């Protein structure tokens, strides 16, 4: 399944859980999204993008998801060694 397909599957889950908000539901959503992004990155999928998901009905809000890669502040390796 593509990253977009998985995100589409995850967003309705969070909308349903919004009716009964809990920190557990938020933590589960965050964990699953983190795992999805790391797994996709590990498989070489280009995941930096912005997606918009319409709500299930016209009165429901739309959702925008932006995924942006942020390089570490300090590298633990010397990139010049990889170029040789």
N, C-alpha and C. Protein backbone atom coordinates (compact mmCIF):
# COMPACT_ATOMS: atom_id res chain seq x y z
N UNK A 1 0.85 -1.18 0.00
CA UNK A 1 0.00 0.00 0.00
C UNK A 1 0.89 1.23 0.00
N UNK A 2 0.53 2.24 -0.74
CA UNK A 2 1.31 3.45 -0.83
C UNK A 2 1.19 4.27 0.46
N UNK A 3 2.12 5.20 0.64
CA UNK A 3 2.06 6.09 1.81
C UNK A 3 0.74 6.83 1.81
N UNK A 4 0.33 7.34 0.66
CA UNK A 4 -0.94 8.06 0.58
C UNK A 4 -2.11 7.17 0.98
N UNK A 5 -2.10 5.92 0.53
CA UNK A 5 -3.17 4.99 0.88
C UNK A 5 -3.22 4.71 2.36
N UNK A 6 -2.07 4.55 2.97
CA UNK A 6 -2.04 4.28 4.40
C UNK A 6 -2.49 5.51 5.18
N UNK A 7 -2.04 6.69 4.76
CA UNK A 7 -2.48 7.91 5.43
C UNK A 7 -3.98 8.08 5.30
N UNK A 8 -4.51 7.77 4.14
CA UNK A 8 -5.96 7.87 3.94
C UNK A 8 -6.67 6.92 4.89
N UNK A 9 -6.09 5.75 5.10
CA UNK A 9 -6.70 4.79 6.02
C UNK A 9 -6.58 5.25 7.47
N UNK A 10 -5.49 5.93 7.82
CA UNK A 10 -5.30 6.38 9.20
C UNK A 10 -6.15 7.58 9.56
N UNK A 11 -6.35 8.50 8.64
CA UNK A 11 -7.08 9.73 8.96
C UNK A 11 -8.50 9.44 9.43
N UNK A 12 -9.29 8.61 8.74
CA UNK A 12 -10.63 8.34 9.26
C UNK A 12 -10.62 7.72 10.65
N UNK A 13 -9.62 6.90 10.96
CA UNK A 13 -9.51 6.32 12.29
C UNK A 13 -9.41 7.42 13.33
N UNK A 14 -8.57 8.41 13.08
CA UNK A 14 -8.41 9.48 14.06
C UNK A 14 -9.67 10.33 14.16
N UNK A 15 -10.41 10.48 13.06
CA UNK A 15 -11.66 11.23 13.10
C UNK A 15 -12.67 10.49 13.97
N UNK A 16 -12.76 9.17 13.81
CA UNK A 16 -13.69 8.40 14.62
C UNK A 16 -13.32 8.48 16.09
N UNK A 17 -12.02 8.41 16.38
CA UNK A 17 -11.58 8.46 17.77
C UNK A 17 -11.75 9.85 18.37
N UNK A 18 -11.89 10.89 17.52
CA UNK A 18 -12.07 12.25 18.03
C UNK A 18 -13.39 12.38 18.78
N UNK A 19 -14.36 11.49 18.50
CA UNK A 19 -15.62 11.50 19.24
C UNK A 19 -15.41 11.10 20.69
N UNK A 20 -14.37 10.32 20.96
CA UNK A 20 -14.03 9.88 22.31
C UNK A 20 -12.54 10.12 22.51
N UNK A 21 -12.14 11.41 22.62
CA UNK A 21 -10.71 11.70 22.66
C UNK A 21 -10.04 11.12 23.90
N UNK A 22 -8.84 10.63 23.71
CA UNK A 22 -8.05 10.16 24.83
C UNK A 22 -6.58 10.29 24.45
N UNK A 23 -5.77 10.38 25.44
CA UNK A 23 -4.34 10.46 25.14
C UNK A 23 -3.86 9.16 24.53
N UNK A 24 -4.49 8.04 24.88
CA UNK A 24 -4.10 6.75 24.29
C UNK A 24 -4.33 6.74 22.78
N UNK A 25 -5.47 7.26 22.34
CA UNK A 25 -5.77 7.30 20.91
C UNK A 25 -4.78 8.20 20.19
N UNK A 26 -4.45 9.34 20.77
CA UNK A 26 -3.49 10.25 20.15
C UNK A 26 -2.10 9.61 20.09
N UNK A 27 -1.71 8.96 21.17
CA UNK A 27 -0.41 8.30 21.20
C UNK A 27 -0.35 7.17 20.19
N UNK A 28 -1.42 6.41 20.06
CA UNK A 28 -1.47 5.32 19.08
C UNK A 28 -1.35 5.88 17.67
N UNK A 29 -2.10 6.94 17.38
CA UNK A 29 -2.05 7.55 16.05
C UNK A 29 -0.64 8.04 15.75
N UNK A 30 -0.03 8.74 16.70
CA UNK A 30 1.32 9.27 16.50
C UNK A 30 2.31 8.13 16.28
N UNK A 31 2.21 7.06 17.06
CA UNK A 31 3.12 5.92 16.92
C UNK A 31 2.96 5.27 15.54
N UNK A 32 1.72 5.05 15.10
CA UNK A 32 1.49 4.41 13.81
C UNK A 32 1.98 5.29 12.66
N UNK A 33 1.77 6.59 12.77
CA UNK A 33 2.25 7.50 11.72
C UNK A 33 3.77 7.51 11.68
N UNK A 34 4.41 7.53 12.85
CA UNK A 34 5.87 7.50 12.92
C UNK A 34 6.41 6.22 12.28
N UNK A 35 5.82 5.08 12.62
CA UNK A 35 6.25 3.81 12.05
C UNK A 35 6.07 3.79 10.53
N UNK A 36 4.97 4.33 10.06
CA UNK A 36 4.69 4.40 8.63
C UNK A 36 5.75 5.22 7.90
N UNK A 37 6.08 6.38 8.45
CA UNK A 37 7.05 7.27 7.81
C UNK A 37 8.44 6.65 7.81
N UNK A 38 8.86 6.10 8.94
CA UNK A 38 10.19 5.49 9.03
C UNK A 38 10.30 4.28 8.11
N UNK A 39 9.26 3.47 8.07
CA UNK A 39 9.26 2.29 7.20
C UNK A 39 9.32 2.70 5.73
N UNK A 40 8.52 3.69 5.35
CA UNK A 40 8.53 4.15 3.95
C UNK A 40 9.89 4.72 3.58
N UNK A 41 10.47 5.51 4.47
CA UNK A 41 11.80 6.08 4.22
C UNK A 41 12.83 4.96 4.05
N UNK A 42 12.76 3.95 4.90
CA UNK A 42 13.69 2.83 4.84
C UNK A 42 13.58 2.05 3.54
N UNK A 43 12.39 2.04 2.92
CA UNK A 43 12.19 1.35 1.63
C UNK A 43 12.50 2.26 0.44
N UNK A 44 12.91 3.50 0.72
CA UNK A 44 13.28 4.41 -0.36
C UNK A 44 12.11 5.15 -0.98
N UNK A 45 10.96 5.14 -0.32
CA UNK A 45 9.78 5.85 -0.84
C UNK A 45 9.96 7.35 -0.60
N UNK A 46 9.68 8.14 -1.62
CA UNK A 46 9.71 9.59 -1.45
C UNK A 46 8.46 9.99 -0.69
N UNK A 47 8.65 10.46 0.55
CA UNK A 47 7.49 10.76 1.39
C UNK A 47 7.35 12.23 1.71
N UNK A 48 8.32 13.05 1.27
CA UNK A 48 8.19 14.49 1.52
C UNK A 48 7.16 15.05 0.56
N UNK A 49 6.05 15.51 1.10
CA UNK A 49 4.98 16.03 0.27
C UNK A 49 3.90 16.62 1.18
N UNK A 50 2.87 17.15 0.57
CA UNK A 50 1.71 17.62 1.32
C UNK A 50 0.48 16.98 0.69
N UNK A 51 -0.39 16.43 1.54
CA UNK A 51 -1.62 15.81 1.08
C UNK A 51 -2.80 16.50 1.72
N UNK A 52 -3.89 16.56 0.98
CA UNK A 52 -5.14 17.08 1.54
C UNK A 52 -6.19 15.99 1.44
N UNK A 53 -6.90 15.79 2.55
CA UNK A 53 -7.93 14.77 2.63
C UNK A 53 -9.26 15.45 2.95
N UNK A 54 -10.23 15.28 2.08
CA UNK A 54 -11.54 15.87 2.37
C UNK A 54 -12.23 15.11 3.49
N UNK A 55 -13.05 15.84 4.25
CA UNK A 55 -13.83 15.20 5.29
C UNK A 55 -14.87 14.28 4.68
N UNK A 56 -15.44 13.39 5.48
CA UNK A 56 -16.38 12.41 4.94
C UNK A 56 -17.70 13.04 4.48
N UNK A 57 -18.04 14.22 5.01
CA UNK A 57 -19.24 14.95 4.58
C UNK A 57 -18.88 16.41 4.44
N UNK A 58 -19.70 17.17 3.75
CA UNK A 58 -19.35 18.55 3.45
C UNK A 58 -19.19 19.43 4.69
N UNK A 59 -19.87 19.11 5.79
CA UNK A 59 -19.74 19.92 7.00
C UNK A 59 -18.54 19.52 7.86
N UNK A 60 -17.89 18.43 7.53
CA UNK A 60 -16.71 18.00 8.29
C UNK A 60 -15.48 18.75 7.79
N UNK A 61 -14.50 18.94 8.65
CA UNK A 61 -13.29 19.64 8.20
C UNK A 61 -12.47 18.79 7.24
N UNK A 62 -11.72 19.46 6.39
CA UNK A 62 -10.73 18.79 5.56
C UNK A 62 -9.44 18.74 6.37
N UNK A 63 -8.54 17.88 5.98
CA UNK A 63 -7.28 17.72 6.70
C UNK A 63 -6.12 17.87 5.75
N UNK A 64 -5.06 18.50 6.21
CA UNK A 64 -3.84 18.67 5.42
C UNK A 64 -2.70 18.05 6.21
N UNK A 65 -1.95 17.17 5.56
CA UNK A 65 -0.82 16.50 6.19
C UNK A 65 0.43 16.87 5.39
N UNK A 66 1.43 17.40 6.09
CA UNK A 66 2.69 17.74 5.45
C UNK A 66 3.79 16.91 6.11
N UNK A 67 4.59 16.26 5.28
CA UNK A 67 5.71 15.49 5.77
C UNK A 67 6.98 16.14 5.22
N UNK A 68 7.85 16.52 6.14
CA UNK A 68 9.07 17.22 5.77
C UNK A 68 10.26 16.55 6.47
N UNK A 69 11.29 16.25 5.71
CA UNK A 69 12.49 15.64 6.29
C UNK A 69 13.33 16.75 6.92
N UNK A 70 13.73 16.54 8.17
CA UNK A 70 14.54 17.50 8.91
C UNK A 70 15.87 16.83 9.23
N UNK A 71 16.97 17.35 8.67
CA UNK A 71 18.27 16.72 8.93
C UNK A 71 18.67 16.90 10.40
N UNK A 72 19.47 15.96 10.91
CA UNK A 72 19.91 16.09 12.30
C UNK A 72 20.79 17.32 12.48
N UNK A 73 20.76 17.88 13.70
CA UNK A 73 21.56 19.07 13.99
C UNK A 73 23.05 18.75 13.87
N UNK A 74 23.43 17.57 14.34
CA UNK A 74 24.82 17.13 14.26
C UNK A 74 24.87 15.74 13.65
N UNK A 75 25.74 15.56 12.69
CA UNK A 75 25.90 14.24 12.08
C UNK A 75 26.87 13.42 12.90
N UNK A 76 26.62 12.14 12.97
CA UNK A 76 27.51 11.25 13.71
C UNK A 76 28.48 10.54 12.77
N UNK A 77 28.48 10.93 11.51
CA UNK A 77 29.40 10.33 10.55
C UNK A 77 29.97 11.42 9.67
N UNK A 78 31.02 11.10 8.96
CA UNK A 78 31.69 12.05 8.07
C UNK A 78 31.20 11.75 6.65
N UNK A 79 30.35 12.64 6.06
CA UNK A 79 29.81 12.36 4.72
C UNK A 79 30.89 12.18 3.65
N UNK A 80 32.07 12.78 3.83
CA UNK A 80 33.12 12.66 2.81
C UNK A 80 33.61 11.21 2.71
N UNK A 81 33.51 10.43 3.78
CA UNK A 81 33.91 9.02 3.71
C UNK A 81 33.00 8.23 2.80
N UNK A 82 31.73 8.61 2.71
CA UNK A 82 30.78 7.91 1.85
C UNK A 82 31.01 8.20 0.38
N UNK A 83 31.62 9.33 0.07
CA UNK A 83 31.86 9.73 -1.32
C UNK A 83 33.09 9.05 -1.90
N UNK A 84 33.97 8.55 -1.07
CA UNK A 84 35.22 7.96 -1.57
C UNK A 84 35.04 6.55 -2.08
